[in-house]
């Protein structure tokens, strides 16, 4: 079953179960997928492309979540946390900070980089290539900065 089919089936189940959060979240995700397909002239998306769209949706919600928490809007923050949880169920398991740091160290050793902020760009590119889709860019940036410091 493709990711797109799974989203459709889960949307139907959420409607039957009257699970508003899951139904609305999946609906927004499906709309983003449909919008991408329309923008790219009906190009049929594979699971990897759909996962990228879902990751973008999670990132948008995380960014807004930080703003809601700063403003003290716990009602909206809780709602967005629930939506992020729903979307994460469709994404590959994310790497832990320790796993990311191990990849950073391995990549740095392969490239002969031992430290120094000037090597940030040289290290970020190859690491992001290895962890694409399974690690958040901000987490990778923190790990690379910690390694180079």
N, C-alpha and C. Protein backbone atom coordinates (compact mmCIF):
# COMPACT_ATOMS: atom_id res chain seq x y z
N UNK A 1 0.85 -1.17 0.00
CA UNK A 1 0.00 0.00 0.00
C UNK A 1 0.90 1.24 0.00
N UNK A 2 0.64 2.15 -0.91
CA UNK A 2 1.45 3.37 -0.98
C UNK A 2 1.08 4.30 0.16
N UNK A 3 1.92 5.27 0.38
CA UNK A 3 1.68 6.24 1.44
C UNK A 3 0.41 7.05 1.15
N UNK A 4 0.19 7.34 -0.11
CA UNK A 4 -1.00 8.09 -0.51
C UNK A 4 -2.27 7.28 -0.21
N UNK A 5 -2.23 5.99 -0.51
CA UNK A 5 -3.38 5.11 -0.22
C UNK A 5 -3.60 5.01 1.29
N UNK A 6 -2.51 4.92 2.03
CA UNK A 6 -2.61 4.82 3.49
C UNK A 6 -3.25 6.08 4.07
N UNK A 7 -2.87 7.24 3.54
CA UNK A 7 -3.47 8.50 4.00
C UNK A 7 -4.98 8.51 3.72
N UNK A 8 -5.35 8.04 2.54
CA UNK A 8 -6.77 7.99 2.17
C UNK A 8 -7.55 7.07 3.10
N UNK A 9 -7.00 5.88 3.34
CA UNK A 9 -7.67 4.92 4.23
C UNK A 9 -7.79 5.45 5.66
N UNK A 10 -6.70 6.04 6.15
CA UNK A 10 -6.72 6.58 7.51
C UNK A 10 -7.67 7.77 7.63
N UNK A 11 -7.81 8.53 6.54
CA UNK A 11 -8.75 9.65 6.53
C UNK A 11 -10.18 9.11 6.70
N UNK A 12 -10.48 8.05 5.96
CA UNK A 12 -11.82 7.44 6.07
C UNK A 12 -12.07 6.91 7.48
N UNK A 13 -11.06 6.24 8.04
CA UNK A 13 -11.20 5.71 9.40
C UNK A 13 -11.39 6.82 10.41
N UNK A 14 -10.66 7.93 10.26
CA UNK A 14 -10.79 9.06 11.18
C UNK A 14 -12.19 9.67 11.09
N UNK A 15 -12.74 9.70 9.88
CA UNK A 15 -14.10 10.23 9.72
C UNK A 15 -15.10 9.33 10.43
N UNK A 16 -14.94 8.02 10.27
CA UNK A 16 -15.85 7.07 10.93
C UNK A 16 -15.74 7.15 12.45
N UNK A 17 -14.52 7.36 12.94
CA UNK A 17 -14.27 7.39 14.38
C UNK A 17 -14.53 8.78 14.98
N UNK A 18 -14.87 9.74 14.14
CA UNK A 18 -15.11 11.13 14.57
C UNK A 18 -13.87 11.72 15.26
N UNK A 19 -12.69 11.35 14.75
CA UNK A 19 -11.42 11.87 15.27
C UNK A 19 -11.09 13.13 14.47
N UNK A 20 -11.51 14.28 14.99
CA UNK A 20 -11.38 15.54 14.26
C UNK A 20 -9.92 15.93 14.00
N UNK A 21 -9.06 15.75 15.00
CA UNK A 21 -7.66 16.14 14.83
C UNK A 21 -7.01 15.35 13.70
N UNK A 22 -7.17 14.04 13.74
CA UNK A 22 -6.57 13.18 12.72
C UNK A 22 -7.19 13.46 11.35
N UNK A 23 -8.51 13.61 11.32
CA UNK A 23 -9.20 13.86 10.05
C UNK A 23 -8.71 15.17 9.43
N UNK A 24 -8.67 16.24 10.22
CA UNK A 24 -8.26 17.54 9.69
C UNK A 24 -6.79 17.55 9.28
N UNK A 25 -5.94 16.93 10.08
CA UNK A 25 -4.51 16.88 9.77
C UNK A 25 -4.27 16.14 8.46
N UNK A 26 -4.89 14.98 8.32
CA UNK A 26 -4.71 14.20 7.09
C UNK A 26 -5.31 14.95 5.90
N UNK A 27 -6.41 15.62 6.13
CA UNK A 27 -7.03 16.40 5.07
C UNK A 27 -6.09 17.49 4.56
N UNK A 28 -5.46 18.21 5.50
CA UNK A 28 -4.50 19.26 5.11
C UNK A 28 -3.31 18.66 4.37
N UNK A 29 -2.83 17.51 4.83
CA UNK A 29 -1.70 16.85 4.18
C UNK A 29 -2.07 16.41 2.77
N UNK A 30 -3.25 15.84 2.62
CA UNK A 30 -3.70 15.40 1.30
C UNK A 30 -3.87 16.60 0.37
N UNK A 31 -4.34 17.72 0.91
CA UNK A 31 -4.49 18.94 0.11
C UNK A 31 -3.13 19.45 -0.37
N UNK A 32 -2.12 19.37 0.50
CA UNK A 32 -0.77 19.81 0.11
C UNK A 32 -0.21 18.91 -0.99
N UNK A 33 -0.48 17.62 -0.89
CA UNK A 33 -0.03 16.67 -1.92
C UNK A 33 -0.73 16.98 -3.24
N UNK A 34 -2.03 17.18 -3.18
CA UNK A 34 -2.81 17.48 -4.38
C UNK A 34 -2.34 18.80 -5.01
N UNK A 35 -2.06 19.80 -4.18
CA UNK A 35 -1.57 21.09 -4.68
C UNK A 35 -0.24 20.91 -5.41
N UNK A 36 0.64 20.09 -4.87
CA UNK A 36 1.93 19.83 -5.51
C UNK A 36 1.71 19.18 -6.88
N UNK A 37 0.81 18.20 -6.91
CA UNK A 37 0.53 17.51 -8.17
C UNK A 37 -0.05 18.46 -9.21
N UNK A 38 -0.94 19.35 -8.80
CA UNK A 38 -1.54 20.31 -9.72
C UNK A 38 -0.46 21.29 -10.22
N UNK A 39 0.37 21.76 -9.30
CA UNK A 39 1.43 22.70 -9.67
C UNK A 39 2.44 22.10 -10.64
N UNK A 40 2.61 20.79 -10.55
CA UNK A 40 3.58 20.12 -11.42
C UNK A 40 2.89 19.29 -12.50
N UNK A 41 1.77 19.78 -12.95
CA UNK A 41 1.03 19.23 -14.08
C UNK A 41 0.67 17.74 -13.94
N UNK A 42 0.12 17.39 -12.80
CA UNK A 42 -0.40 16.05 -12.61
C UNK A 42 0.64 14.97 -12.41
N UNK A 43 1.87 15.37 -12.14
CA UNK A 43 2.94 14.40 -11.90
C UNK A 43 2.57 13.51 -10.72
N UNK A 44 2.58 12.20 -10.92
CA UNK A 44 2.23 11.26 -9.86
C UNK A 44 3.42 11.14 -8.90
N UNK A 45 3.17 11.31 -7.61
CA UNK A 45 4.23 11.32 -6.62
C UNK A 45 4.47 9.92 -6.05
N UNK A 46 5.75 9.62 -5.81
CA UNK A 46 6.08 8.36 -5.14
C UNK A 46 6.11 8.61 -3.62
N UNK A 47 6.33 7.55 -2.87
CA UNK A 47 6.31 7.66 -1.41
C UNK A 47 7.37 8.64 -0.88
N UNK A 48 8.54 8.68 -1.50
CA UNK A 48 9.61 9.58 -1.05
C UNK A 48 9.19 11.04 -1.21
N UNK A 49 8.56 11.36 -2.33
CA UNK A 49 8.11 12.74 -2.56
C UNK A 49 6.99 13.12 -1.59
N UNK A 50 6.10 12.18 -1.33
CA UNK A 50 5.01 12.44 -0.39
C UNK A 50 5.58 12.63 1.01
N UNK A 51 6.58 11.83 1.37
CA UNK A 51 7.22 11.97 2.68
C UNK A 51 7.86 13.35 2.83
N UNK A 52 8.45 13.87 1.75
CA UNK A 52 9.03 15.21 1.79
C UNK A 52 7.96 16.26 2.05
N UNK A 53 6.82 16.12 1.41
CA UNK A 53 5.72 17.06 1.62
C UNK A 53 5.24 16.98 3.07
N UNK A 54 5.13 15.77 3.60
CA UNK A 54 4.70 15.61 4.99
C UNK A 54 5.73 16.20 5.95
N UNK A 55 7.01 16.05 5.64
CA UNK A 55 8.05 16.64 6.48
C UNK A 55 7.94 18.16 6.48
N UNK A 56 7.62 18.72 5.32
CA UNK A 56 7.42 20.16 5.22
C UNK A 56 6.25 20.60 6.10
N UNK A 57 5.19 19.79 6.09
CA UNK A 57 4.02 20.09 6.93
C UNK A 57 4.40 20.05 8.41
N UNK A 58 5.20 19.07 8.80
CA UNK A 58 5.64 18.98 10.20
C UNK A 58 6.50 20.18 10.56
N UNK A 59 7.40 20.57 9.66
CA UNK A 59 8.28 21.72 9.91
C UNK A 59 7.45 22.99 10.07
N UNK A 60 6.45 23.18 9.23
CA UNK A 60 5.60 24.37 9.34
C UNK A 60 4.92 24.41 10.71
N UNK A 61 4.43 23.26 11.15
CA UNK A 61 3.74 23.20 12.44
C UNK A 61 4.71 23.41 13.60
N UNK A 62 5.93 22.88 13.49
CA UNK A 62 6.92 23.09 14.55
C UNK A 62 7.29 24.56 14.67
N UNK A 63 7.45 25.22 13.53
CA UNK A 63 7.77 26.65 13.54
C UNK A 63 6.65 27.45 14.20
N UNK A 64 5.42 27.14 13.85
CA UNK A 64 4.27 27.84 14.43
C UNK A 64 4.13 27.48 15.92
N UNK A 65 4.46 26.25 16.27
CA UNK A 65 4.37 25.79 17.65
C UNK A 65 5.25 26.64 18.56
N UNK A 66 6.46 26.94 18.11
CA UNK A 66 7.37 27.77 18.90
C UNK A 66 6.76 29.14 19.15
N UNK A 67 6.13 29.71 18.12
CA UNK A 67 5.49 31.03 18.26
C UNK A 67 4.32 30.97 19.24
N UNK A 68 3.53 29.92 19.15
CA UNK A 68 2.37 29.78 20.04
C UNK A 68 2.83 29.64 21.50
N UNK A 69 3.90 28.88 21.71
CA UNK A 69 4.39 28.69 23.07
C UNK A 69 4.94 29.99 23.64
N UNK A 70 5.62 30.79 22.79
CA UNK A 70 6.13 32.09 23.23
C UNK A 70 4.99 33.02 23.63
N UNK A 71 3.89 32.95 22.86
CA UNK A 71 2.74 33.83 23.09
C UNK A 71 1.83 33.31 24.21
N UNK A 72 2.14 32.13 24.74
CA UNK A 72 1.34 31.57 25.82
C UNK A 72 0.02 30.96 25.36
N UNK A 73 -0.08 30.63 24.10
CA UNK A 73 -1.31 30.03 23.56
C UNK A 73 -1.22 28.51 23.66
N UNK A 74 -1.44 28.00 24.85
CA UNK A 74 -1.31 26.56 25.09
C UNK A 74 -2.37 25.77 24.33
N UNK A 75 -3.54 26.37 24.09
CA UNK A 75 -4.59 25.65 23.35
C UNK A 75 -4.13 25.35 21.93
N UNK A 76 -3.56 26.34 21.26
CA UNK A 76 -3.08 26.14 19.89
C UNK A 76 -1.82 25.27 19.89
N UNK A 77 -0.98 25.45 20.89
CA UNK A 77 0.25 24.64 20.97
C UNK A 77 -0.11 23.16 21.12
N UNK A 78 -1.06 22.85 21.97
CA UNK A 78 -1.48 21.46 22.16
C UNK A 78 -2.07 20.88 20.88
N UNK A 79 -2.84 21.69 20.19
CA UNK A 79 -3.45 21.25 18.93
C UNK A 79 -2.37 20.93 17.89
N UNK A 80 -1.36 21.79 17.79
CA UNK A 80 -0.29 21.57 16.82
C UNK A 80 0.57 20.37 17.20
N UNK A 81 0.77 20.16 18.51
CA UNK A 81 1.53 18.98 18.94
C UNK A 81 0.81 17.70 18.51
N UNK A 82 -0.51 17.70 18.64
CA UNK A 82 -1.30 16.53 18.23
C UNK A 82 -1.20 16.31 16.73
N UNK A 83 -1.23 17.41 15.96
CA UNK A 83 -1.12 17.30 14.50
C UNK A 83 0.26 16.78 14.10
N UNK A 84 1.30 17.23 14.78
CA UNK A 84 2.66 16.76 14.49
C UNK A 84 2.76 15.27 14.75
N UNK A 85 2.14 14.82 15.84
CA UNK A 85 2.12 13.39 16.18
C UNK A 85 1.46 12.57 15.07
N UNK A 86 0.34 13.07 14.56
CA UNK A 86 -0.38 12.37 13.50
C UNK A 86 0.50 12.26 12.26
N UNK A 87 1.13 13.36 11.87
CA UNK A 87 1.97 13.37 10.66
C UNK A 87 3.21 12.49 10.82
N UNK A 88 3.79 12.49 12.02
CA UNK A 88 5.00 11.68 12.25
C UNK A 88 4.74 10.19 12.07
N UNK A 89 3.50 9.77 12.22
CA UNK A 89 3.16 8.36 12.03
C UNK A 89 3.39 7.91 10.58
N UNK A 90 3.41 8.84 9.65
CA UNK A 90 3.58 8.52 8.23
C UNK A 90 5.01 8.71 7.75
N UNK A 91 5.87 9.22 8.62
CA UNK A 91 7.25 9.49 8.24
C UNK A 91 8.18 8.40 8.76
N UNK A 92 9.33 8.24 8.12
CA UNK A 92 10.31 7.27 8.63
C UNK A 92 10.77 7.69 10.03
N UNK A 93 11.19 6.72 10.83
CA UNK A 93 11.66 7.01 12.18
C UNK A 93 12.84 7.98 12.10
N UNK A 94 12.79 9.03 12.91
CA UNK A 94 13.83 10.05 12.91
C UNK A 94 15.02 9.57 13.75
N UNK A 95 16.22 10.00 13.34
CA UNK A 95 17.43 9.63 14.05
C UNK A 95 17.51 10.38 15.38
N UNK A 96 18.14 9.76 16.37
CA UNK A 96 18.35 10.42 17.66
C UNK A 96 19.56 11.34 17.55
N UNK A 97 19.75 12.19 18.55
CA UNK A 97 20.89 13.11 18.56
C UNK A 97 22.21 12.34 18.55
N UNK A 98 22.24 11.21 19.26
CA UNK A 98 23.46 10.40 19.31
C UNK A 98 23.78 9.80 17.94
N UNK A 99 22.74 9.32 17.25
CA UNK A 99 22.94 8.74 15.92
C UNK A 99 23.41 9.81 14.93
N UNK A 100 22.85 11.01 15.04
CA UNK A 100 23.26 12.11 14.15
C UNK A 100 24.72 12.46 14.42
N UNK A 101 25.09 12.55 15.69
CA UNK A 101 26.47 12.89 16.05
C UNK A 101 27.44 11.83 15.53
N UNK A 102 27.05 10.56 15.59
CA UNK A 102 27.91 9.49 15.07
C UNK A 102 28.13 9.66 13.57
N UNK A 103 27.08 10.02 12.84
CA UNK A 103 27.19 10.23 11.39
C UNK A 103 28.07 11.45 11.11
N UNK A 104 27.93 12.51 11.93
CA UNK A 104 28.75 13.71 11.77
C UNK A 104 30.23 13.34 11.96
N UNK A 105 30.53 12.59 13.02
CA UNK A 105 31.93 12.22 13.31
C UNK A 105 32.50 11.34 12.19
N UNK A 106 31.70 10.39 11.72
CA UNK A 106 32.13 9.49 10.65
C UNK A 106 32.41 10.27 9.36
N UNK A 107 31.51 11.19 9.01
CA UNK A 107 31.66 12.00 7.80
C UNK A 107 32.88 12.91 7.92
N UNK A 108 33.05 13.52 9.09
CA UNK A 108 34.20 14.41 9.31
C UNK A 108 35.51 13.64 9.17
N UNK A 109 35.55 12.43 9.72
CA UNK A 109 36.76 11.62 9.62
C UNK A 109 37.06 11.28 8.15
N UNK A 110 36.01 10.96 7.40
CA UNK A 110 36.19 10.62 5.99
C UNK A 110 36.69 11.82 5.18
N UNK A 111 36.25 13.02 5.58
CA UNK A 111 36.65 14.24 4.87
C UNK A 111 37.93 14.86 5.43
N UNK A 112 38.41 14.34 6.56
CA UNK A 112 39.62 14.88 7.18
C UNK A 112 39.38 16.20 7.89
N UNK A 113 38.18 16.40 8.40
CA UNK A 113 37.84 17.64 9.11
C UNK A 113 37.90 17.35 10.61
N UNK A 114 38.67 18.19 11.32
CA UNK A 114 38.80 17.98 12.75
C UNK A 114 38.10 19.04 13.59
N UNK A 115 37.81 20.17 13.03
CA UNK A 115 37.16 21.24 13.79
C UNK A 115 37.24 22.56 13.05
N UNK A 116 36.76 23.60 13.71
CA UNK A 116 36.82 24.93 13.13
C UNK A 116 35.53 25.31 12.43
N UNK A 117 34.99 26.46 12.80
CA UNK A 117 33.71 26.93 12.24
C UNK A 117 33.78 27.12 10.72
N UNK A 118 34.97 27.36 10.17
CA UNK A 118 35.10 27.57 8.73
C UNK A 118 34.76 26.31 7.93
N UNK A 119 34.72 25.16 8.59
CA UNK A 119 34.40 23.90 7.92
C UNK A 119 32.92 23.53 7.98
N UNK A 120 32.10 24.43 8.50
CA UNK A 120 30.67 24.18 8.67
C UNK A 120 30.03 23.75 7.34
N UNK A 121 30.22 24.52 6.30
CA UNK A 121 29.63 24.23 5.00
C UNK A 121 30.15 22.95 4.38
N UNK A 122 31.46 22.71 4.56
CA UNK A 122 32.07 21.51 4.01
C UNK A 122 31.50 20.24 4.64
N UNK A 123 31.10 20.33 5.90
CA UNK A 123 30.59 19.18 6.62
C UNK A 123 29.07 19.04 6.52
N UNK A 124 28.36 20.16 6.54
CA UNK A 124 26.88 20.12 6.52
C UNK A 124 26.34 19.43 5.28
N UNK A 125 26.87 19.77 4.12
CA UNK A 125 26.37 19.21 2.87
C UNK A 125 26.41 17.68 2.83
N UNK A 126 27.58 17.09 3.04
CA UNK A 126 27.66 15.62 3.02
C UNK A 126 26.82 14.95 4.10
N UNK A 127 26.76 15.56 5.30
CA UNK A 127 25.96 14.96 6.37
C UNK A 127 24.48 15.00 6.01
N UNK A 128 24.01 16.13 5.51
CA UNK A 128 22.60 16.25 5.13
C UNK A 128 22.26 15.25 4.02
N UNK A 129 23.21 14.99 3.12
CA UNK A 129 22.98 13.99 2.08
C UNK A 129 22.76 12.60 2.66
N UNK A 130 23.45 12.30 3.75
CA UNK A 130 23.33 10.98 4.38
C UNK A 130 22.05 10.83 5.20
N UNK A 131 21.58 11.93 5.80
CA UNK A 131 20.46 11.83 6.74
C UNK A 131 19.16 12.38 6.17
N UNK A 132 19.15 12.68 4.88
CA UNK A 132 17.96 13.27 4.26
C UNK A 132 16.73 12.40 4.52
N UNK A 133 15.70 13.02 5.06
CA UNK A 133 14.45 12.33 5.30
C UNK A 133 14.35 11.65 6.66
N UNK A 134 15.48 11.47 7.35
CA UNK A 134 15.41 10.80 8.65
C UNK A 134 15.97 11.65 9.79
N UNK A 135 16.33 12.91 9.49
CA UNK A 135 16.80 13.81 10.54
C UNK A 135 16.41 15.24 10.18
N UNK A 136 16.06 15.99 11.20
CA UNK A 136 15.70 17.40 11.04
C UNK A 136 16.96 18.21 10.79
N UNK A 137 16.89 19.16 9.89
CA UNK A 137 18.04 19.99 9.54
C UNK A 137 18.59 20.76 10.72
N UNK A 138 17.70 21.24 11.61
CA UNK A 138 18.16 21.97 12.78
C UNK A 138 18.95 21.07 13.73
N UNK A 139 18.52 19.83 13.88
CA UNK A 139 19.23 18.89 14.73
C UNK A 139 20.62 18.59 14.15
N UNK A 140 20.69 18.46 12.84
CA UNK A 140 21.98 18.21 12.18
C UNK A 140 22.89 19.41 12.36
N UNK A 141 22.34 20.61 12.20
CA UNK A 141 23.13 21.84 12.37
C UNK A 141 23.71 21.92 13.77
N UNK A 142 22.90 21.62 14.78
CA UNK A 142 23.38 21.64 16.17
C UNK A 142 24.50 20.64 16.38
N UNK A 143 24.34 19.44 15.81
CA UNK A 143 25.36 18.40 15.96
C UNK A 143 26.67 18.80 15.28
N UNK A 144 26.57 19.36 14.08
CA UNK A 144 27.77 19.79 13.36
C UNK A 144 28.47 20.93 14.12
N UNK A 145 27.68 21.89 14.62
CA UNK A 145 28.27 23.00 15.38
C UNK A 145 28.97 22.49 16.64
N UNK A 146 28.32 21.53 17.33
CA UNK A 146 28.92 20.97 18.54
C UNK A 146 30.22 20.24 18.21
N UNK A 147 30.24 19.52 17.08
CA UNK A 147 31.44 18.80 16.69
C UNK A 147 32.58 19.75 16.34
N UNK A 148 32.26 20.82 15.63
CA UNK A 148 33.29 21.74 15.16
C UNK A 148 33.80 22.67 16.27
N UNK A 149 33.04 22.83 17.34
CA UNK A 149 33.42 23.74 18.42
C UNK A 149 34.60 23.20 19.24
